[in-house]
Amino acid sequence: MITEELGKRIQELRKDKTGLSQEKFALQIDMDRSYFASVESGKRNISIVNIKRIADGLGVSLSELFKGI
């Protein structure tokens, strides 16, 4: 399912690019930690606005975020 694939990709990029915990990264991008955790676990049908917020926080383009999905 695409939400699970996107969640795994976000988690991978968060760890590689920031080294931050879910909580610290969520605070950095002004997103609720539990919401962000549900995105990474693939349980959330996330809006494009929040996808862009995450991509910006990771310092990647939307196309890079979706690479391989």
PDB file of N, CA and C in Angstrom:
ATOM      1  N   MET A   1       0.843  -1.185   0.000  1.00  0.00           N
ATOM      2  CA  MET A   1       0.000   0.000   0.000  1.00  0.00           C
ATOM      3  C   MET A   1       0.886   1.246   0.000  1.00  0.00           C
ATOM      4  N   ILE A   2       0.486   2.255  -0.718  1.00  0.00           N
ATOM      5  CA  ILE A   2       1.324   3.438  -0.889  1.00  0.00           C
ATOM      6  C   ILE A   2       1.589   4.180   0.432  1.00  0.00           C
ATOM      7  N   THR A   3       0.628   4.189   1.340  1.00  0.00           N
ATOM      8  CA  THR A   3       0.858   4.890   2.606  1.00  0.00           C
ATOM      9  C   THR A   3       1.973   4.220   3.404  1.00  0.00           C
ATOM     10  N   GLU A   4       2.042   2.896   3.340  1.00  0.00           N
ATOM     11  CA  GLU A   4       3.113   2.175   4.037  1.00  0.00           C
ATOM     12  C   GLU A   4       4.464   2.405   3.365  1.00  0.00           C
ATOM     13  N   GLU A   5       4.488   2.398   2.044  1.00  0.00           N
ATOM     14  CA  GLU A   5       5.730   2.651   1.305  1.00  0.00           C
ATOM     15  C   GLU A   5       6.239   4.063   1.567  1.00  0.00           C
ATOM     16  N   LEU A   6       5.326   5.033   1.555  1.00  0.00           N
ATOM     17  CA  LEU A   6       5.723   6.408   1.828  1.00  0.00           C
ATOM     18  C   LEU A   6       6.230   6.547   3.264  1.00  0.00           C
ATOM     19  N   GLY A   7       5.574   5.932   4.192  1.00  0.00           N
ATOM     20  CA  GLY A   7       6.004   5.983   5.579  1.00  0.00           C
ATOM     21  C   GLY A   7       7.406   5.432   5.772  1.00  0.00           C
ATOM     22  N   LYS A   8       7.689   4.302   5.129  1.00  0.00           N
ATOM     23  CA  LYS A   8       9.032   3.711   5.214  1.00  0.00           C
ATOM     24  C   LYS A   8      10.072   4.634   4.597  1.00  0.00           C
ATOM     25  N   ARG A   9       9.718   5.248   3.481  1.00  0.00           N
ATOM     26  CA  ARG A   9      10.642   6.168   2.808  1.00  0.00           C
ATOM     27  C   ARG A   9      10.918   7.388   3.682  1.00  0.00           C
ATOM     28  N   ILE A  10       9.883   7.931   4.301  1.00  0.00           N
ATOM     29  CA  ILE A  10      10.061   9.083   5.185  1.00  0.00           C
ATOM     30  C   ILE A  10      10.955   8.709   6.358  1.00  0.00           C
ATOM     31  N   GLN A  11      10.701   7.552   6.953  1.00  0.00           N
ATOM     32  CA  GLN A  11      11.507   7.110   8.091  1.00  0.00           C
ATOM     33  C   GLN A  11      12.978   6.949   7.684  1.00  0.00           C
ATOM     34  N   GLU A  12      13.201   6.338   6.537  1.00  0.00           N
ATOM     35  CA  GLU A  12      14.560   6.143   6.035  1.00  0.00           C
ATOM     36  C   GLU A  12      15.270   7.482   5.847  1.00  0.00           C
ATOM     37  N   LEU A  13      14.599   8.419   5.195  1.00  0.00           N
ATOM     38  CA  LEU A  13      15.198   9.725   4.963  1.00  0.00           C
ATOM     39  C   LEU A  13      15.410  10.497   6.261  1.00  0.00           C
ATOM     40  N   ARG A  14      14.465  10.406   7.182  1.00  0.00           N
ATOM     41  CA  ARG A  14      14.610  11.105   8.469  1.00  0.00           C
ATOM     42  C   ARG A  14      15.852  10.628   9.190  1.00  0.00           C
ATOM     43  N   LYS A  15      16.053   9.328   9.233  1.00  0.00           N
ATOM     44  CA  LYS A  15      17.214   8.769   9.927  1.00  0.00           C
ATOM     45  C   LYS A  15      18.510   9.128   9.212  1.00  0.00           C
ATOM     46  N   ASP A  16      18.518   9.018   7.873  1.00  0.00           N
ATOM     47  CA  ASP A  16      19.734   9.288   7.092  1.00  0.00           C
ATOM     48  C   ASP A  16      20.099  10.766   7.048  1.00  0.00           C
ATOM     49  N   LYS A  17      19.107  11.616   6.843  1.00  0.00           N
ATOM     50  CA  LYS A  17      19.385  13.036   6.612  1.00  0.00           C
ATOM     51  C   LYS A  17      19.417  13.879   7.876  1.00  0.00           C
ATOM     52  N   THR A  18      18.658  13.489   8.894  1.00  0.00           N
ATOM     53  CA  THR A  18      18.609  14.335  10.090  1.00  0.00           C
ATOM     54  C   THR A  18      19.162  13.657  11.334  1.00  0.00           C
ATOM     55  N   GLY A  19      19.016  12.348  11.412  1.00  0.00           N
ATOM     56  CA  GLY A  19      19.437  11.635  12.616  1.00  0.00           C
ATOM     57  C   GLY A  19      18.560  11.930  13.823  1.00  0.00           C
ATOM     58  N   LEU A  20      17.444  12.606  13.582  1.00  0.00           N
ATOM     59  CA  LEU A  20      16.556  13.002  14.670  1.00  0.00           C
ATOM     60  C   LEU A  20      15.541  11.904  14.981  1.00  0.00           C
ATOM     61  N   SER A  21      15.085  11.896  16.225  1.00  0.00           N
ATOM     62  CA  SER A  21      13.987  11.014  16.606  1.00  0.00           C
ATOM     63  C   SER A  21      12.706  11.519  15.954  1.00  0.00           C
ATOM     64  N   GLN A  22      11.682  10.677  15.958  1.00  0.00           N
ATOM     65  CA  GLN A  22      10.376  11.116  15.447  1.00  0.00           C
ATOM     66  C   GLN A  22       9.914  12.359  16.172  1.00  0.00           C
ATOM     67  N   GLU A  23      10.051  12.357  17.477  1.00  0.00           N
ATOM     68  CA  GLU A  23       9.568  13.475  18.279  1.00  0.00           C
ATOM     69  C   GLU A  23      10.294  14.771  17.937  1.00  0.00           C
ATOM     70  N   LYS A  24      11.614  14.735  17.856  1.00  0.00           N
ATOM     71  CA  LYS A  24      12.376  15.952  17.564  1.00  0.00           C
ATOM     72  C   LYS A  24      12.118  16.449  16.149  1.00  0.00           C
ATOM     73  N   PHE A  25      12.011  15.520  15.202  1.00  0.00           N
ATOM     74  CA  PHE A  25      11.727  15.928  13.831  1.00  0.00           C
ATOM     75  C   PHE A  25      10.339  16.534  13.728  1.00  0.00           C
ATOM     76  N   ALA A  26       9.349  15.908  14.359  1.00  0.00           N
ATOM     77  CA  ALA A  26       7.981  16.432  14.330  1.00  0.00           C
ATOM     78  C   ALA A  26       7.937  17.834  14.926  1.00  0.00           C
ATOM     79  N   LEU A  27       8.645  18.050  16.025  1.00  0.00           N
ATOM     80  CA  LEU A  27       8.695  19.391  16.620  1.00  0.00           C
ATOM     81  C   LEU A  27       9.330  20.390  15.656  1.00  0.00           C
ATOM     82  N   GLN A  28      10.386  19.965  14.985  1.00  0.00           N
ATOM     83  CA  GLN A  28      11.092  20.835  14.045  1.00  0.00           C
ATOM     84  C   GLN A  28      10.196  21.296  12.900  1.00  0.00           C
ATOM     85  N   ILE A  29       9.304  20.422  12.444  1.00  0.00           N
ATOM     86  CA  ILE A  29       8.431  20.785  11.317  1.00  0.00           C
ATOM     87  C   ILE A  29       7.046  21.207  11.783  1.00  0.00           C
ATOM     88  N   ASP A  30       6.886  21.404  13.078  1.00  0.00           N
ATOM     89  CA  ASP A  30       5.628  21.864  13.666  1.00  0.00           C
ATOM     90  C   ASP A  30       4.476  20.912  13.349  1.00  0.00           C
ATOM     91  N   MET A  31       4.708  19.630  13.657  1.00  0.00           N
ATOM     92  CA  MET A  31       3.699  18.597  13.437  1.00  0.00           C
ATOM     93  C   MET A  31       3.571  17.784  14.726  1.00  0.00           C
ATOM     94  N   ASP A  32       2.364  17.379  15.045  1.00  0.00           N
ATOM     95  CA  ASP A  32       2.141  16.563  16.229  1.00  0.00           C
ATOM     96  C   ASP A  32       2.913  15.249  16.117  1.00  0.00           C
ATOM     97  N   ARG A  33       3.598  14.841  17.182  1.00  0.00           N
ATOM     98  CA  ARG A  33       4.425  13.649  17.164  1.00  0.00           C
ATOM     99  C   ARG A  33       3.621  12.390  16.865  1.00  0.00           C
ATOM    100  N   SER A  34       2.460  12.256  17.471  1.00  0.00           N
ATOM    101  CA  SER A  34       1.664  11.047  17.245  1.00  0.00           C
ATOM    102  C   SER A  34       1.140  10.990  15.803  1.00  0.00           C
ATOM    103  N   TYR A  35       0.817  12.154  15.238  1.00  0.00           N
ATOM    104  CA  TYR A  35       0.403  12.210  13.834  1.00  0.00           C
ATOM    105  C   TYR A  35       1.563  11.775  12.946  1.00  0.00           C
ATOM    106  N   PHE A  36       2.751  12.326  13.209  1.00  0.00           N
ATOM    107  CA  PHE A  36       3.923  11.986  12.406  1.00  0.00           C
ATOM    108  C   PHE A  36       4.261  10.496  12.531  1.00  0.00           C
ATOM    109  N   ALA A  37       4.145   9.943  13.728  1.00  0.00           N
ATOM    110  CA  ALA A  37       4.411   8.516  13.938  1.00  0.00           C
ATOM    111  C   ALA A  37       3.443   7.666  13.114  1.00  0.00           C
ATOM    112  N   SER A  38       2.184   8.093  13.035  1.00  0.00           N
ATOM    113  CA  SER A  38       1.205   7.335  12.249  1.00  0.00           C
ATOM    114  C   SER A  38       1.481   7.451  10.750  1.00  0.00           C
ATOM    115  N   VAL A  39       2.081   8.558  10.325  1.00  0.00           N
ATOM    116  CA  VAL A  39       2.492   8.704   8.926  1.00  0.00           C
ATOM    117  C   VAL A  39       3.605   7.708   8.625  1.00  0.00           C
ATOM    118  N   GLU A  40       4.618   7.681   9.483  1.00  0.00           N
ATOM    119  CA  GLU A  40       5.746   6.769   9.261  1.00  0.00           C
ATOM    120  C   GLU A  40       5.329   5.305   9.313  1.00  0.00           C
ATOM    121  N   SER A  41       4.325   4.999  10.090  1.00  0.00           N
ATOM    122  CA  SER A  41       3.883   3.608  10.180  1.00  0.00           C
ATOM    123  C   SER A  41       2.910   3.240   9.056  1.00  0.00           C
ATOM    124  N   GLY A  42       2.564   4.216   8.216  1.00  0.00           N
ATOM    125  CA  GLY A  42       1.695   3.946   7.075  1.00  0.00           C
ATOM    126  C   GLY A  42       0.223   3.879   7.408  1.00  0.00           C
ATOM    127  N   LYS A  43      -0.145   4.394   8.564  1.00  0.00           N
ATOM    128  CA  LYS A  43      -1.538   4.322   9.011  1.00  0.00           C
ATOM    129  C   LYS A  43      -2.324   5.598   8.740  1.00  0.00           C
ATOM    130  N   ARG A  44      -1.702   6.554   8.070  1.00  0.00           N
ATOM    131  CA  ARG A  44      -2.346   7.848   7.873  1.00  0.00           C
ATOM    132  C   ARG A  44      -2.404   8.168   6.388  1.00  0.00           C
ATOM    133  N   ASN A  45      -3.550   8.603   5.920  1.00  0.00           N
ATOM    134  CA  ASN A  45      -3.698   9.086   4.556  1.00  0.00           C
ATOM    135  C   ASN A  45      -3.376  10.578   4.608  1.00  0.00           C
ATOM    136  N   ILE A  46      -2.126  10.887   4.396  1.00  0.00           N
ATOM    137  CA  ILE A  46      -1.586  12.228   4.623  1.00  0.00           C
ATOM    138  C   ILE A  46      -1.898  13.165   3.452  1.00  0.00           C
ATOM    139  N   SER A  47      -2.140  14.426   3.762  1.00  0.00           N
ATOM    140  CA  SER A  47      -2.429  15.418   2.723  1.00  0.00           C
ATOM    141  C   SER A  47      -1.135  15.856   2.040  1.00  0.00           C
ATOM    142  N   ILE A  48      -1.264  16.383   0.843  1.00  0.00           N
ATOM    143  CA  ILE A  48      -0.110  16.866   0.088  1.00  0.00           C
ATOM    144  C   ILE A  48       0.565  18.031   0.822  1.00  0.00           C
ATOM    145  N   VAL A  49      -0.197  18.812   1.543  1.00  0.00           N
ATOM    146  CA  VAL A  49       0.371  19.930   2.307  1.00  0.00           C
ATOM    147  C   VAL A  49       1.331  19.399   3.368  1.00  0.00           C
ATOM    148  N   ASN A  50       0.932  18.345   4.062  1.00  0.00           N
ATOM    149  CA  ASN A  50       1.800  17.767   5.086  1.00  0.00           C
ATOM    150  C   ASN A  50       2.960  16.983   4.475  1.00  0.00           C
ATOM    151  N   ILE A  51       2.752  16.386   3.317  1.00  0.00           N
ATOM    152  CA  ILE A  51       3.858  15.720   2.622  1.00  0.00           C
ATOM    153  C   ILE A  51       4.919  16.752   2.271  1.00  0.00           C
ATOM    154  N   LYS A  52       4.488  17.904   1.783  1.00  0.00           N
ATOM    155  CA  LYS A  52       5.427  18.981   1.434  1.00  0.00           C
ATOM    156  C   LYS A  52       6.155  19.479   2.675  1.00  0.00           C
ATOM    157  N   ARG A  53       5.471  19.603   3.775  1.00  0.00           N
ATOM    158  CA  ARG A  53       6.090  20.042   5.034  1.00  0.00           C
ATOM    159  C   ARG A  53       7.191  19.064   5.456  1.00  0.00           C
ATOM    160  N   ILE A  54       6.903  17.783   5.330  1.00  0.00           N
ATOM    161  CA  ILE A  54       7.898  16.766   5.678  1.00  0.00           C
ATOM    162  C   ILE A  54       9.087  16.824   4.720  1.00  0.00           C
ATOM    163  N   ALA A  55       8.810  16.908   3.428  1.00  0.00           N
ATOM    164  CA  ALA A  55       9.892  16.991   2.437  1.00  0.00           C
ATOM    165  C   ALA A  55      10.787  18.193   2.714  1.00  0.00           C
ATOM    166  N   ASP A  56      10.183  19.338   2.985  1.00  0.00           N
ATOM    167  CA  ASP A  56      10.964  20.540   3.292  1.00  0.00           C
ATOM    168  C   ASP A  56      11.819  20.326   4.536  1.00  0.00           C
ATOM    169  N   GLY A  57      11.250  19.692   5.549  1.00  0.00           N
ATOM    170  CA  GLY A  57      11.990  19.412   6.771  1.00  0.00           C
ATOM    171  C   GLY A  57      13.156  18.468   6.551  1.00  0.00           C
ATOM    172  N   LEU A  58      13.006  17.571   5.583  1.00  0.00           N
ATOM    173  CA  LEU A  58      14.068  16.630   5.244  1.00  0.00           C
ATOM    174  C   LEU A  58      15.073  17.235   4.269  1.00  0.00           C
ATOM    175  N   GLY A  59      14.716  18.385   3.694  1.00  0.00           N
ATOM    176  CA  GLY A  59      15.592  19.031   2.723  1.00  0.00           C
ATOM    177  C   GLY A  59      15.627  18.308   1.391  1.00  0.00           C
ATOM    178  N   VAL A  60      14.488  17.711   1.011  1.00  0.00           N
ATOM    179  CA  VAL A  60      14.398  16.991  -0.263  1.00  0.00           C
ATOM    180  C   VAL A  60      13.211  17.513  -1.068  1.00  0.00           C
ATOM    181  N   SER A  61      13.269  17.277  -2.364  1.00  0.00           N
ATOM    182  CA  SER A  61      12.138  17.634  -3.226  1.00  0.00           C
ATOM    183  C   SER A  61      11.060  16.572  -3.084  1.00  0.00           C
ATOM    184  N   LEU A  62       9.874  16.904  -3.552  1.00  0.00           N
ATOM    185  CA  LEU A  62       8.788  15.909  -3.545  1.00  0.00           C
ATOM    186  C   LEU A  62       9.154  14.708  -4.414  1.00  0.00           C
ATOM    187  N   SER A  63       9.799  14.959  -5.544  1.00  0.00           N
ATOM    188  CA  SER A  63      10.172  13.834  -6.412  1.00  0.00           C
ATOM    189  C   SER A  63      11.198  12.933  -5.731  1.00  0.00           C
ATOM    190  N   GLU A  64      12.123  13.496  -4.976  1.00  0.00           N
ATOM    191  CA  GLU A  64      13.086  12.677  -4.255  1.00  0.00           C
ATOM    192  C   GLU A  64      12.397  11.888  -3.136  1.00  0.00           C
ATOM    193  N   LEU A  65      11.432  12.527  -2.478  1.00  0.00           N
ATOM    194  CA  LEU A  65      10.701  11.850  -1.419  1.00  0.00           C
ATOM    195  C   LEU A  65       9.982  10.612  -1.960  1.00  0.00           C
ATOM    196  N   PHE A  66       9.415  10.715  -3.145  1.00  0.00           N
ATOM    197  CA  PHE A  66       8.655   9.617  -3.739  1.00  0.00           C
ATOM    198  C   PHE A  66       9.499   8.667  -4.588  1.00  0.00           C
ATOM    199  N   LYS A  67      10.802   8.905  -4.653  1.00  0.00           N
ATOM    200  CA  LYS A  67      11.684   8.069  -5.454  1.00  0.00           C
ATOM    201  C   LYS A  67      11.618   6.616  -4.992  1.00  0.00           C
ATOM    202  N   GLY A  68      11.357   5.720  -5.914  1.00  0.00           N
ATOM    203  CA  GLY A  68      11.313   4.301  -5.619  1.00  0.00           C
ATOM    204  C   GLY A  68       9.982   3.776  -5.123  1.00  0.00           C
ATOM    205  N   ILE A  69       9.004   4.651  -5.012  1.00  0.00           N
ATOM    206  CA  ILE A  69       7.685   4.229  -4.522  1.00  0.00           C
ATOM    207  C   ILE A  69       6.794   3.927  -5.711  1.00  0.00           C
TER     208      ILE A  69
END
